């Protein structure tokens, strides 16, 4: 009887097996373009620009990131016409604050950048003001003057959302808050536009920018 009870107990035993699925995340170099600048170049005949963006993931949440670009901007104002052209580079780190679901590689990022620009300003025309003779108050000087070898430095805080829309293809939107650190100014003429930093004014050292990037991840390893 005892043997029969033991056999029945063995038949009713349940064995629990736990399957563990390990998620491996892609690490690699992601490169792309800020497509807002070519679109603006097509729509605005006073602007031309492009920007290459890239990042490399070196830990679970941190990325090394950089942007390199070139801009030309013609500005025509009532008392001043000028043209700005030059190149810039930004380098820094991004932090991903988003916890992805299984199999996803999206990101909500906050980042810091150091920005550097080298550029030239060409003063095309400006209104001459003088109190010596009222007939010259509205005179316009149209002799172009070029100022080369100018530089500017700034710090930048970036907020961004990055989404994988296809395998290894990402679309991202960024908001950039900039703080100018230093700049070279031409003689008797202030910089009103700096490539990479954008519009400059006399009232504040801060600037704002945005980006709309399309990039591709080149997977190097998984872990």
N, C-alpha and C. Protein backbone atom coordinates (compact mmCIF):
# COMPACT_ATOMS: atom_id res chain seq x y z
N UNK A 1 0.82 -1.20 0.00
CA UNK A 1 0.00 0.00 0.00
C UNK A 1 0.86 1.26 0.00
N UNK A 2 1.93 1.23 0.82
CA UNK A 2 2.85 2.37 0.88
C UNK A 2 3.52 2.58 -0.46
N UNK A 3 3.89 1.52 -1.12
CA UNK A 3 4.55 1.63 -2.43
C UNK A 3 3.61 2.28 -3.44
N UNK A 4 2.31 1.91 -3.37
CA UNK A 4 1.33 2.47 -4.32
C UNK A 4 1.15 3.97 -4.06
N UNK A 5 1.12 4.39 -2.77
CA UNK A 5 0.97 5.81 -2.45
C UNK A 5 2.18 6.62 -2.90
N UNK A 6 3.38 6.03 -2.77
CA UNK A 6 4.60 6.72 -3.21
C UNK A 6 4.59 6.92 -4.71
N UNK A 7 4.11 5.92 -5.47
CA UNK A 7 4.07 6.00 -6.93
C UNK A 7 3.11 7.09 -7.37
N UNK A 8 1.94 7.20 -6.71
CA UNK A 8 0.97 8.24 -7.06
C UNK A 8 1.53 9.62 -6.76
N UNK A 9 2.23 9.78 -5.63
CA UNK A 9 2.83 11.07 -5.26
C UNK A 9 3.86 11.50 -6.28
N UNK A 10 4.67 10.55 -6.75
CA UNK A 10 5.68 10.87 -7.75
C UNK A 10 5.06 11.32 -9.06
N UNK A 11 3.92 10.71 -9.41
CA UNK A 11 3.26 11.07 -10.67
C UNK A 11 2.66 12.46 -10.61
N UNK A 12 2.30 12.95 -9.42
CA UNK A 12 1.66 14.26 -9.29
C UNK A 12 2.65 15.38 -9.02
N UNK A 13 3.94 15.04 -8.92
CA UNK A 13 4.95 16.09 -8.72
C UNK A 13 5.02 16.99 -9.95
N UNK A 14 5.14 18.28 -9.74
CA UNK A 14 5.30 19.24 -10.84
C UNK A 14 6.69 19.85 -10.77
N UNK A 15 7.29 19.96 -11.91
CA UNK A 15 8.64 20.55 -12.00
C UNK A 15 8.51 21.91 -12.68
N UNK A 16 9.00 22.95 -12.02
CA UNK A 16 8.95 24.31 -12.56
C UNK A 16 10.28 24.63 -13.23
N UNK A 17 10.21 24.99 -14.50
CA UNK A 17 11.42 25.35 -15.25
C UNK A 17 11.33 26.82 -15.62
N UNK A 18 12.33 27.58 -15.28
CA UNK A 18 12.36 29.02 -15.57
C UNK A 18 13.28 29.28 -16.74
N UNK A 19 12.71 29.88 -17.80
CA UNK A 19 13.51 30.26 -18.97
C UNK A 19 14.03 31.67 -18.77
N UNK A 20 15.31 31.85 -18.95
CA UNK A 20 15.94 33.17 -18.83
C UNK A 20 16.39 33.63 -20.20
N UNK A 21 15.82 34.77 -20.66
CA UNK A 21 16.21 35.34 -21.95
C UNK A 21 17.09 36.54 -21.69
N UNK A 22 18.28 36.51 -22.19
CA UNK A 22 19.22 37.58 -21.95
C UNK A 22 19.14 38.58 -23.10
N UNK A 23 18.89 39.84 -22.76
CA UNK A 23 18.81 40.88 -23.78
C UNK A 23 20.19 41.43 -24.05
N UNK A 24 20.61 41.38 -25.30
CA UNK A 24 21.89 41.94 -25.69
C UNK A 24 21.66 43.23 -26.46
N UNK A 25 22.37 44.27 -26.06
CA UNK A 25 22.19 45.59 -26.65
C UNK A 25 23.32 45.87 -27.64
N UNK A 26 22.96 46.55 -28.74
CA UNK A 26 23.95 46.86 -29.77
C UNK A 26 24.80 48.06 -29.37
N UNK A 27 26.09 47.92 -29.54
CA UNK A 27 27.04 49.00 -29.32
C UNK A 27 27.74 49.27 -30.66
N UNK A 28 27.95 50.56 -30.97
CA UNK A 28 28.63 50.87 -32.22
C UNK A 28 28.66 52.35 -32.50
N UNK A 29 29.06 52.68 -33.71
CA UNK A 29 29.18 54.07 -34.15
C UNK A 29 27.92 54.45 -34.91
N UNK A 30 27.27 55.54 -34.49
CA UNK A 30 26.08 56.03 -35.16
C UNK A 30 26.42 57.35 -35.86
N UNK A 31 26.20 57.43 -37.16
CA UNK A 31 26.53 58.63 -37.94
C UNK A 31 25.31 59.05 -38.75
N UNK A 32 25.20 60.35 -39.01
CA UNK A 32 24.05 60.83 -39.78
C UNK A 32 24.17 62.30 -40.12
N UNK A 33 23.03 62.87 -40.52
CA UNK A 33 22.95 64.27 -40.95
C UNK A 33 21.82 64.98 -40.22
N UNK A 34 22.02 66.26 -39.98
CA UNK A 34 20.93 67.13 -39.54
C UNK A 34 20.22 67.61 -40.80
N UNK A 35 19.08 66.99 -41.13
CA UNK A 35 18.43 67.29 -42.40
C UNK A 35 17.68 68.62 -42.37
N UNK A 36 17.55 69.26 -41.22
CA UNK A 36 16.90 70.57 -41.18
C UNK A 36 17.72 71.62 -41.91
N UNK A 37 19.03 71.47 -41.93
CA UNK A 37 19.88 72.47 -42.58
C UNK A 37 19.80 72.39 -44.12
N UNK A 38 19.89 71.22 -44.76
CA UNK A 38 19.67 71.18 -46.21
C UNK A 38 18.28 71.65 -46.61
N UNK A 39 17.26 71.33 -45.79
CA UNK A 39 15.90 71.79 -46.10
C UNK A 39 15.83 73.32 -46.02
N UNK A 40 16.44 73.89 -45.01
CA UNK A 40 16.47 75.36 -44.89
C UNK A 40 17.24 75.98 -46.05
N UNK A 41 18.32 75.31 -46.49
CA UNK A 41 19.10 75.82 -47.62
C UNK A 41 18.26 75.90 -48.89
N UNK A 42 17.34 74.94 -49.06
CA UNK A 42 16.48 74.94 -50.24
C UNK A 42 15.41 76.02 -50.16
N UNK A 43 14.93 76.31 -48.95
CA UNK A 43 13.83 77.25 -48.78
C UNK A 43 14.29 78.70 -48.60
N UNK A 44 15.52 78.90 -48.15
CA UNK A 44 16.02 80.24 -47.86
C UNK A 44 17.27 80.50 -48.70
N UNK A 45 17.16 81.40 -49.69
CA UNK A 45 18.31 81.66 -50.57
C UNK A 45 19.39 82.51 -49.91
N UNK A 46 19.17 82.91 -48.65
CA UNK A 46 20.19 83.65 -47.92
C UNK A 46 20.95 82.77 -46.93
N UNK A 47 20.67 81.46 -46.97
CA UNK A 47 21.30 80.53 -46.03
C UNK A 47 21.78 79.28 -46.76
N UNK A 48 22.93 78.77 -46.33
CA UNK A 48 23.44 77.50 -46.82
C UNK A 48 24.17 76.81 -45.67
N UNK A 49 23.87 75.52 -45.45
CA UNK A 49 24.53 74.84 -44.35
C UNK A 49 24.33 73.35 -44.36
N UNK A 50 25.21 72.64 -43.67
CA UNK A 50 25.07 71.20 -43.46
C UNK A 50 25.74 70.85 -42.13
N UNK A 51 25.34 69.71 -41.56
CA UNK A 51 25.93 69.25 -40.30
C UNK A 51 25.95 67.74 -40.26
N UNK A 52 27.10 67.17 -39.93
CA UNK A 52 27.27 65.74 -39.74
C UNK A 52 27.26 65.46 -38.24
N UNK A 53 26.46 64.48 -37.83
CA UNK A 53 26.34 64.15 -36.41
C UNK A 53 26.82 62.72 -36.18
N UNK A 54 27.29 62.45 -34.97
CA UNK A 54 27.74 61.10 -34.65
C UNK A 54 27.84 60.88 -33.15
N UNK A 55 27.71 59.63 -32.74
CA UNK A 55 27.93 59.28 -31.34
C UNK A 55 28.41 57.83 -31.24
N UNK A 56 29.04 57.53 -30.12
CA UNK A 56 29.53 56.17 -29.86
C UNK A 56 29.19 55.82 -28.42
N UNK A 57 28.52 54.71 -28.24
CA UNK A 57 28.10 54.28 -26.91
C UNK A 57 29.26 53.56 -26.20
N UNK A 58 29.67 54.10 -25.04
CA UNK A 58 30.79 53.48 -24.33
C UNK A 58 30.39 52.85 -23.00
N UNK A 59 29.12 53.03 -22.58
CA UNK A 59 28.61 52.35 -21.39
C UNK A 59 27.11 52.17 -21.56
N UNK A 60 26.46 51.63 -20.53
CA UNK A 60 25.03 51.33 -20.66
C UNK A 60 24.21 52.57 -20.99
N UNK A 61 24.57 53.72 -20.41
CA UNK A 61 23.75 54.92 -20.58
C UNK A 61 24.49 56.12 -21.17
N UNK A 62 25.79 56.03 -21.35
CA UNK A 62 26.55 57.20 -21.78
C UNK A 62 27.11 57.03 -23.20
N UNK A 63 27.13 58.15 -23.93
CA UNK A 63 27.63 58.19 -25.30
C UNK A 63 28.61 59.35 -25.45
N UNK A 64 29.68 59.14 -26.21
CA UNK A 64 30.49 60.24 -26.70
C UNK A 64 29.83 60.75 -27.97
N UNK A 65 29.66 62.07 -28.09
CA UNK A 65 28.92 62.62 -29.23
C UNK A 65 29.66 63.82 -29.82
N UNK A 66 29.45 64.05 -31.11
CA UNK A 66 30.09 65.18 -31.79
C UNK A 66 29.26 65.61 -32.99
N UNK A 67 29.38 66.87 -33.35
CA UNK A 67 28.76 67.42 -34.55
C UNK A 67 29.78 68.31 -35.26
N UNK A 68 29.83 68.22 -36.58
CA UNK A 68 30.71 69.04 -37.40
C UNK A 68 29.88 69.64 -38.53
N UNK A 69 30.04 70.95 -38.77
CA UNK A 69 29.21 71.58 -39.79
C UNK A 69 29.83 72.81 -40.41
N UNK A 70 29.09 73.36 -41.36
CA UNK A 70 29.50 74.57 -42.08
C UNK A 70 28.25 75.39 -42.38
N UNK A 71 28.34 76.70 -42.24
CA UNK A 71 27.20 77.57 -42.51
C UNK A 71 27.63 78.85 -43.22
N UNK A 72 26.76 79.34 -44.11
CA UNK A 72 26.89 80.65 -44.72
C UNK A 72 25.55 81.36 -44.57
N UNK A 73 25.58 82.57 -44.02
CA UNK A 73 24.35 83.31 -43.76
C UNK A 73 24.51 84.76 -44.22
N UNK A 74 23.62 85.19 -45.12
CA UNK A 74 23.56 86.59 -45.56
C UNK A 74 22.45 87.28 -44.80
N UNK A 75 22.76 88.44 -44.23
CA UNK A 75 21.79 89.18 -43.43
C UNK A 75 21.64 90.58 -44.00
N UNK A 76 20.40 90.98 -44.25
CA UNK A 76 20.10 92.31 -44.78
C UNK A 76 19.14 93.01 -43.83
N UNK A 77 19.65 94.06 -43.17
CA UNK A 77 18.87 94.84 -42.23
C UNK A 77 18.81 96.29 -42.70
N UNK A 78 17.92 97.09 -42.13
CA UNK A 78 17.76 98.47 -42.61
C UNK A 78 19.05 99.29 -42.64
N UNK A 79 19.92 99.07 -41.64
CA UNK A 79 21.14 99.87 -41.57
C UNK A 79 22.42 99.08 -41.80
N UNK A 80 22.27 97.79 -42.11
CA UNK A 80 23.46 96.95 -42.17
C UNK A 80 23.22 95.72 -43.03
N UNK A 81 24.13 95.45 -43.96
CA UNK A 81 24.12 94.23 -44.76
C UNK A 81 25.45 93.52 -44.58
N UNK A 82 25.42 92.23 -44.24
CA UNK A 82 26.68 91.51 -44.05
C UNK A 82 26.50 90.04 -44.37
N UNK A 83 27.61 89.33 -44.54
CA UNK A 83 27.61 87.90 -44.83
C UNK A 83 28.58 87.21 -43.88
N UNK A 84 28.14 86.09 -43.33
CA UNK A 84 28.95 85.29 -42.41
C UNK A 84 29.13 83.89 -42.98
N UNK A 85 30.35 83.37 -42.94
CA UNK A 85 30.59 82.00 -43.39
C UNK A 85 31.70 81.38 -42.56
N UNK A 86 31.58 80.09 -42.29
CA UNK A 86 32.61 79.41 -41.52
C UNK A 86 32.21 78.01 -41.12
N UNK A 87 33.09 77.36 -40.39
CA UNK A 87 32.88 75.98 -39.95
C UNK A 87 32.88 75.91 -38.42
N UNK A 88 32.34 74.82 -37.91
CA UNK A 88 32.27 74.66 -36.46
C UNK A 88 32.32 73.18 -36.09
N UNK A 89 32.63 72.93 -34.84
CA UNK A 89 32.63 71.57 -34.30
C UNK A 89 32.15 71.62 -32.86
N UNK A 90 31.44 70.57 -32.46
CA UNK A 90 30.96 70.44 -31.08
C UNK A 90 31.27 69.02 -30.61
N UNK A 91 31.74 68.89 -29.37
CA UNK A 91 32.07 67.58 -28.83
C UNK A 91 31.64 67.52 -27.38
N UNK A 92 31.15 66.34 -26.95
CA UNK A 92 30.71 66.21 -25.57
C UNK A 92 30.17 64.82 -25.29
N UNK A 93 29.25 64.73 -24.32
CA UNK A 93 28.67 63.44 -23.92
C UNK A 93 27.15 63.56 -23.84
N UNK A 94 26.47 62.42 -24.05
CA UNK A 94 25.02 62.32 -23.88
C UNK A 94 24.71 61.25 -22.84
N UNK A 95 23.65 61.48 -22.07
CA UNK A 95 23.16 60.52 -21.09
C UNK A 95 21.75 60.09 -21.49
N UNK A 96 21.51 58.78 -21.58
CA UNK A 96 20.19 58.25 -21.92
C UNK A 96 19.41 57.97 -20.64
N UNK A 97 18.31 58.71 -20.47
CA UNK A 97 17.49 58.56 -19.26
C UNK A 97 16.32 57.62 -19.46
N UNK A 98 16.23 56.98 -20.63
CA UNK A 98 15.06 56.16 -20.96
C UNK A 98 15.36 54.68 -20.73
N UNK A 99 14.45 53.98 -20.04
CA UNK A 99 14.55 52.53 -19.85
C UNK A 99 13.77 51.84 -20.97
N UNK A 100 14.49 51.22 -21.89
CA UNK A 100 13.86 50.61 -23.05
C UNK A 100 13.11 49.33 -22.70
N UNK A 101 12.04 49.07 -23.45
CA UNK A 101 11.41 47.76 -23.40
C UNK A 101 12.31 46.76 -24.08
N UNK A 102 11.99 45.49 -23.91
CA UNK A 102 12.81 44.43 -24.48
C UNK A 102 12.91 44.58 -26.00
N UNK A 103 14.14 44.59 -26.52
CA UNK A 103 14.37 44.63 -27.96
C UNK A 103 14.40 46.02 -28.56
N UNK A 104 14.14 47.08 -27.77
CA UNK A 104 14.13 48.43 -28.30
C UNK A 104 15.42 49.16 -27.94
N UNK A 105 15.77 50.16 -28.77
CA UNK A 105 16.99 50.94 -28.53
C UNK A 105 16.71 52.44 -28.68
N UNK A 106 15.58 52.89 -28.15
CA UNK A 106 15.23 54.30 -28.19
C UNK A 106 15.93 55.05 -27.06
N UNK A 107 15.87 56.39 -27.11
CA UNK A 107 16.59 57.16 -26.09
C UNK A 107 15.92 58.51 -25.86
N UNK A 108 15.92 58.94 -24.61
CA UNK A 108 15.63 60.32 -24.23
C UNK A 108 16.91 60.82 -23.58
N UNK A 109 17.57 61.77 -24.22
CA UNK A 109 18.93 62.12 -23.82
C UNK A 109 19.04 63.55 -23.32
N UNK A 110 20.01 63.75 -22.44
CA UNK A 110 20.47 65.07 -22.02
C UNK A 110 21.98 65.08 -22.21
N UNK A 111 22.49 66.16 -22.79
CA UNK A 111 23.91 66.17 -23.10
C UNK A 111 24.55 67.53 -22.92
N UNK A 112 25.87 67.52 -22.89
CA UNK A 112 26.68 68.74 -22.81
C UNK A 112 27.66 68.76 -23.97
N UNK A 113 27.91 69.96 -24.51
CA UNK A 113 28.85 70.13 -25.61
C UNK A 113 29.75 71.33 -25.36
N UNK A 114 30.98 71.20 -25.87
CA UNK A 114 31.85 72.37 -26.03
C UNK A 114 31.86 72.68 -27.51
N UNK A 115 31.55 73.92 -27.88
CA UNK A 115 31.48 74.31 -29.28
C UNK A 115 32.57 75.29 -29.65
N UNK A 116 33.09 75.13 -30.87
CA UNK A 116 34.14 76.00 -31.37
C UNK A 116 33.86 76.32 -32.83
N UNK A 117 34.01 77.60 -33.22
CA UNK A 117 33.75 78.01 -34.60
C UNK A 117 34.87 78.90 -35.09
N UNK A 118 35.24 78.71 -36.36
CA UNK A 118 36.16 79.61 -37.04
C UNK A 118 35.47 80.14 -38.28
N UNK A 119 35.46 81.45 -38.49
CA UNK A 119 34.61 82.03 -39.51
C UNK A 119 35.13 83.39 -39.97
N UNK A 120 34.45 83.95 -40.95
CA UNK A 120 34.76 85.30 -41.42
C UNK A 120 33.48 86.09 -41.57
N UNK A 121 33.60 87.40 -41.43
CA UNK A 121 32.49 88.32 -41.62
C UNK A 121 32.83 89.25 -42.78
N UNK A 122 31.86 89.44 -43.67
CA UNK A 122 32.04 90.38 -44.77
C UNK A 122 30.97 91.47 -44.65
N UNK A 123 31.42 92.67 -44.33
CA UNK A 123 30.53 93.81 -44.21
C UNK A 123 30.26 94.35 -45.62
N UNK A 124 29.03 94.20 -46.09
CA UNK A 124 28.70 94.53 -47.48
C UNK A 124 28.29 96.00 -47.64
N UNK A 125 27.45 96.48 -46.74
CA UNK A 125 26.99 97.87 -46.81
C UNK A 125 26.45 98.28 -45.45
N UNK A 126 26.59 99.59 -45.16
CA UNK A 126 26.05 100.09 -43.90
C UNK A 126 25.74 101.58 -44.05
N UNK A 127 24.81 102.04 -43.24
CA UNK A 127 24.40 103.42 -43.26
C UNK A 127 25.39 104.26 -42.45
N UNK A 128 25.77 105.40 -42.99
CA UNK A 128 26.71 106.30 -42.33
C UNK A 128 25.91 107.36 -41.58
N UNK A 129 26.21 107.50 -40.31
CA UNK A 129 25.54 108.53 -39.50
C UNK A 129 26.55 109.61 -39.12
N UNK A 130 26.22 110.86 -39.37
CA UNK A 130 27.09 111.97 -39.01
C UNK A 130 26.23 113.18 -38.67
N UNK A 131 26.70 114.00 -37.75
CA UNK A 131 25.98 115.22 -37.37
C UNK A 131 26.60 116.45 -38.02
N UNK A 132 27.62 116.25 -38.87
CA UNK A 132 28.30 117.38 -39.49
C UNK A 132 27.45 118.02 -40.58
N UNK A 133 26.76 117.17 -41.31
CA UNK A 133 25.97 117.67 -42.43
C UNK A 133 24.76 116.76 -42.58
N UNK A 134 23.59 117.33 -42.48
CA UNK A 134 22.37 116.52 -42.53
C UNK A 134 22.21 115.78 -43.85
N UNK A 135 22.86 116.24 -44.91
CA UNK A 135 22.72 115.58 -46.21
C UNK A 135 23.40 114.22 -46.23
N UNK A 136 24.26 113.95 -45.26
CA UNK A 136 25.00 112.69 -45.23
C UNK A 136 24.45 111.70 -44.20
N UNK A 137 23.37 112.08 -43.54
CA UNK A 137 22.84 111.21 -42.50
C UNK A 137 22.41 109.86 -43.07
N UNK A 138 21.84 109.83 -44.25
CA UNK A 138 21.34 108.60 -44.84
C UNK A 138 22.28 108.03 -45.91
N UNK A 139 23.51 108.48 -45.93
CA UNK A 139 24.47 107.95 -46.91
C UNK A 139 24.77 106.49 -46.60
N UNK A 140 24.99 105.69 -47.64
CA UNK A 140 25.27 104.27 -47.48
C UNK A 140 26.64 103.96 -48.04
N UNK A 141 27.47 103.33 -47.24
CA UNK A 141 28.79 102.88 -47.69
C UNK A 141 28.65 101.47 -48.26
N UNK A 142 28.99 101.29 -49.53
CA UNK A 142 28.83 99.99 -50.18
C UNK A 142 30.17 99.36 -50.54
N UNK A 143 31.25 99.82 -49.91
CA UNK A 143 32.57 99.22 -50.15
C UNK A 143 32.72 98.01 -49.22
N UNK A 144 32.76 96.79 -49.74
CA UNK A 144 32.84 95.60 -48.87
C UNK A 144 34.13 95.56 -48.06
N UNK A 145 34.01 95.12 -46.82
CA UNK A 145 35.16 94.96 -45.94
C UNK A 145 35.10 93.55 -45.35
N UNK A 146 36.20 92.80 -45.45
CA UNK A 146 36.21 91.41 -44.99
C UNK A 146 37.08 91.26 -43.74
N UNK A 147 36.54 90.55 -42.77
CA UNK A 147 37.26 90.25 -41.53
C UNK A 147 37.41 88.73 -41.42
N UNK A 148 38.64 88.25 -41.46
CA UNK A 148 38.88 86.80 -41.46
C UNK A 148 39.57 86.36 -40.17
N UNK A 149 39.65 85.04 -39.98
CA UNK A 149 40.36 84.49 -38.82
C UNK A 149 39.65 84.69 -37.51
N UNK A 150 38.33 84.87 -37.53
CA UNK A 150 37.56 85.07 -36.30
C UNK A 150 37.22 83.72 -35.66
N UNK A 151 37.12 83.70 -34.35
CA UNK A 151 36.77 82.46 -33.63
C UNK A 151 35.75 82.76 -32.55
N UNK A 152 35.04 81.72 -32.13
CA UNK A 152 34.08 81.83 -31.03
C UNK A 152 34.03 80.50 -30.29
N UNK A 153 33.74 80.57 -28.99
CA UNK A 153 33.65 79.39 -28.13
C UNK A 153 32.36 79.47 -27.33
N UNK A 154 31.71 78.33 -27.11
CA UNK A 154 30.49 78.33 -26.32
C UNK A 154 30.28 76.97 -25.67
N UNK A 155 29.41 76.94 -24.65
CA UNK A 155 28.95 75.71 -24.01
C UNK A 155 27.50 75.49 -24.42
N UNK A 156 27.10 74.21 -24.48
CA UNK A 156 25.77 73.90 -25.01
C UNK A 156 25.14 72.76 -24.21
N UNK A 157 23.90 72.96 -23.83
CA UNK A 157 23.11 71.92 -23.18
C UNK A 157 22.06 71.43 -24.17
N UNK A 158 21.96 70.10 -24.34
CA UNK A 158 21.11 69.52 -25.37
C UNK A 158 20.11 68.55 -24.76
N UNK A 159 18.85 68.67 -25.17
CA UNK A 159 17.81 67.70 -24.86
C UNK A 159 17.37 67.05 -26.17
N UNK A 160 17.22 65.71 -26.17
CA UNK A 160 16.87 65.04 -27.41
C UNK A 160 16.03 63.80 -27.21
N UNK A 161 15.29 63.45 -28.27
CA UNK A 161 14.53 62.20 -28.33
C UNK A 161 14.98 61.45 -29.57
N UNK A 162 15.38 60.19 -29.40
CA UNK A 162 15.91 59.39 -30.51
C UNK A 162 15.10 58.10 -30.61
N UNK A 163 14.60 57.80 -31.83
CA UNK A 163 13.75 56.64 -32.05
C UNK A 163 14.30 55.80 -33.20
N UNK A 164 14.33 54.47 -33.00
CA UNK A 164 14.75 53.56 -34.07
C UNK A 164 13.52 53.26 -34.93
N UNK A 165 13.48 53.83 -36.15
CA UNK A 165 12.32 53.67 -37.03
C UNK A 165 12.45 52.44 -37.93
N UNK A 166 13.66 52.06 -38.27
CA UNK A 166 13.96 50.84 -39.01
C UNK A 166 15.17 50.20 -38.34
N UNK A 167 15.51 49.00 -38.75
CA UNK A 167 16.66 48.34 -38.16
C UNK A 167 17.92 49.18 -38.34
N UNK A 168 18.48 49.67 -37.23
CA UNK A 168 19.70 50.48 -37.19
C UNK A 168 19.53 51.89 -37.76
N UNK A 169 18.32 52.30 -38.13
CA UNK A 169 18.06 53.64 -38.65
C UNK A 169 17.30 54.44 -37.58
N UNK A 170 17.82 55.62 -37.25
CA UNK A 170 17.27 56.42 -36.16
C UNK A 170 16.88 57.81 -36.64
N UNK A 171 15.81 58.32 -36.06
CA UNK A 171 15.38 59.71 -36.25
C UNK A 171 15.38 60.37 -34.89
N UNK A 172 15.93 61.58 -34.82
CA UNK A 172 16.00 62.27 -33.53
C UNK A 172 15.72 63.75 -33.69
N UNK A 173 15.17 64.32 -32.62
CA UNK A 173 14.91 65.76 -32.54
C UNK A 173 15.65 66.29 -31.33
N UNK A 174 16.36 67.42 -31.49
CA UNK A 174 17.13 67.98 -30.39
C UNK A 174 16.80 69.46 -30.20
N UNK A 175 16.85 69.90 -28.94
CA UNK A 175 16.75 71.31 -28.58
C UNK A 175 18.06 71.70 -27.93
N UNK A 176 18.65 72.81 -28.40
CA UNK A 176 19.98 73.21 -27.96
C UNK A 176 19.93 74.58 -27.28
N UNK A 177 20.44 74.64 -26.05
CA UNK A 177 20.53 75.89 -25.30
C UNK A 177 22.01 76.25 -25.18
N UNK A 178 22.40 77.41 -25.70
CA UNK A 178 23.81 77.76 -25.84
C UNK A 178 24.19 78.95 -24.97
N UNK A 179 25.41 78.92 -24.47
CA UNK A 179 25.95 80.03 -23.68
C UNK A 179 27.32 80.40 -24.25
N UNK A 180 27.41 81.59 -24.82
CA UNK A 180 28.66 82.03 -25.44
C UNK A 180 29.71 82.31 -24.38
N UNK A 181 30.91 81.75 -24.59
CA UNK A 181 32.00 81.93 -23.63
C UNK A 181 32.96 83.04 -24.06
N UNK A 182 33.31 83.07 -25.34
CA UNK A 182 34.22 84.11 -25.84
C UNK A 182 34.08 84.20 -27.35
N UNK A 183 34.53 85.31 -27.92
CA UNK A 183 34.48 85.51 -29.36
C UNK A 183 35.48 86.58 -29.78
N UNK A 184 35.94 86.50 -31.02
CA UNK A 184 36.70 87.57 -31.64
C UNK A 184 35.73 88.48 -32.39
N UNK A 185 35.85 89.79 -32.21
CA UNK A 185 34.97 90.72 -32.89
C UNK A 185 35.77 91.58 -33.86
N UNK A 186 35.25 91.84 -35.06
CA UNK A 186 35.94 92.72 -36.01
C UNK A 186 36.02 94.14 -35.46
N UNK A 187 36.95 94.91 -35.99
CA UNK A 187 37.11 96.29 -35.58
C UNK A 187 35.90 97.12 -36.02
N UNK A 188 35.30 97.83 -35.07
CA UNK A 188 34.14 98.70 -35.33
C UNK A 188 32.92 97.93 -35.86
N UNK A 189 32.84 96.63 -35.51
CA UNK A 189 31.73 95.83 -36.03
C UNK A 189 31.57 94.61 -35.12
N UNK A 190 30.36 94.38 -34.63
CA UNK A 190 30.09 93.24 -33.75
C UNK A 190 29.58 92.05 -34.56
N UNK A 191 29.91 90.84 -34.08
CA UNK A 191 29.34 89.64 -34.70
C UNK A 191 27.84 89.59 -34.41
N UNK A 192 27.05 89.44 -35.46
CA UNK A 192 25.61 89.28 -35.30
C UNK A 192 25.16 87.86 -35.62
N UNK A 193 26.06 87.07 -36.20
CA UNK A 193 25.77 85.66 -36.48
C UNK A 193 27.08 84.89 -36.41
N UNK A 194 27.07 83.74 -35.71
CA UNK A 194 28.24 82.89 -35.58
C UNK A 194 27.86 81.49 -36.04
N UNK A 195 28.55 80.91 -37.02
CA UNK A 195 28.23 79.54 -37.47
C UNK A 195 28.27 78.55 -36.30
N UNK A 196 27.22 77.76 -36.18
CA UNK A 196 27.13 76.79 -35.09
C UNK A 196 26.44 77.33 -33.86
N UNK A 197 26.65 78.62 -33.58
CA UNK A 197 25.99 79.26 -32.44
C UNK A 197 24.69 79.93 -32.87
N UNK A 198 24.67 80.46 -34.09
CA UNK A 198 23.54 81.15 -34.70
C UNK A 198 23.47 82.61 -34.28
N UNK A 199 22.29 83.14 -34.10
CA UNK A 199 22.09 84.57 -33.90
C UNK A 199 22.74 85.06 -32.62
N UNK A 200 23.37 86.24 -32.70
CA UNK A 200 24.02 86.86 -31.55
C UNK A 200 23.36 88.22 -31.33
N UNK A 201 23.14 88.60 -30.07
CA UNK A 201 22.61 89.94 -29.79
C UNK A 201 23.36 90.56 -28.63
N UNK A 202 23.16 91.87 -28.45
CA UNK A 202 23.88 92.62 -27.43
C UNK A 202 23.28 92.46 -26.03
N UNK A 203 22.10 91.86 -25.93
CA UNK A 203 21.41 91.82 -24.66
C UNK A 203 21.67 90.54 -23.86
N UNK A 204 22.17 89.50 -24.51
CA UNK A 204 22.34 88.23 -23.81
C UNK A 204 23.45 87.41 -24.45
N UNK A 205 24.10 86.59 -23.63
CA UNK A 205 25.13 85.68 -24.12
C UNK A 205 24.55 84.32 -24.48
N UNK A 206 23.23 84.19 -24.44
CA UNK A 206 22.57 82.90 -24.66
C UNK A 206 21.98 82.82 -26.06
N UNK A 207 21.90 81.61 -26.58
CA UNK A 207 21.30 81.35 -27.88
C UNK A 207 20.53 80.05 -27.84
N UNK A 208 19.70 79.83 -28.86
CA UNK A 208 18.87 78.64 -28.95
C UNK A 208 18.99 78.06 -30.35
N UNK A 209 18.98 76.73 -30.45
CA UNK A 209 18.99 76.05 -31.73
C UNK A 209 18.22 74.74 -31.65
N UNK A 210 18.03 74.12 -32.80
CA UNK A 210 17.34 72.83 -32.83
C UNK A 210 17.93 71.99 -33.96
N UNK A 211 17.66 70.70 -33.94
CA UNK A 211 18.13 69.80 -34.99
C UNK A 211 17.14 68.70 -35.24
N UNK A 212 17.12 68.21 -36.47
CA UNK A 212 16.28 67.06 -36.85
C UNK A 212 17.20 66.10 -37.60
N UNK A 213 17.62 65.04 -36.92
CA UNK A 213 18.68 64.18 -37.43
C UNK A 213 18.17 62.83 -37.90
N UNK A 214 18.79 62.34 -38.96
CA UNK A 214 18.59 60.97 -39.41
C UNK A 214 19.96 60.30 -39.39
N UNK A 215 20.08 59.16 -38.70
CA UNK A 215 21.39 58.54 -38.54
C UNK A 215 21.29 57.03 -38.67
N UNK A 216 22.45 56.41 -38.88
CA UNK A 216 22.52 54.95 -39.04
C UNK A 216 23.55 54.39 -38.06
N UNK A 217 23.16 53.34 -37.35
CA UNK A 217 24.05 52.69 -36.40
C UNK A 217 24.84 51.59 -37.08
N UNK A 218 26.17 51.67 -37.00
CA UNK A 218 27.05 50.62 -37.48
C UNK A 218 27.39 49.73 -36.29
N UNK A 219 26.71 48.59 -36.16
CA UNK A 219 26.93 47.73 -34.98
C UNK A 219 28.35 47.17 -34.98
N UNK A 220 29.01 47.27 -33.85
CA UNK A 220 30.37 46.74 -33.71
C UNK A 220 30.38 45.51 -32.80
N UNK A 221 29.61 45.55 -31.71
CA UNK A 221 29.51 44.40 -30.83
C UNK A 221 28.22 44.50 -30.03
N UNK A 222 27.87 43.44 -29.34
CA UNK A 222 26.71 43.39 -28.46
C UNK A 222 27.14 42.95 -27.07
N UNK A 223 26.44 43.47 -26.08
CA UNK A 223 26.69 42.99 -24.71
C UNK A 223 25.48 43.29 -23.85
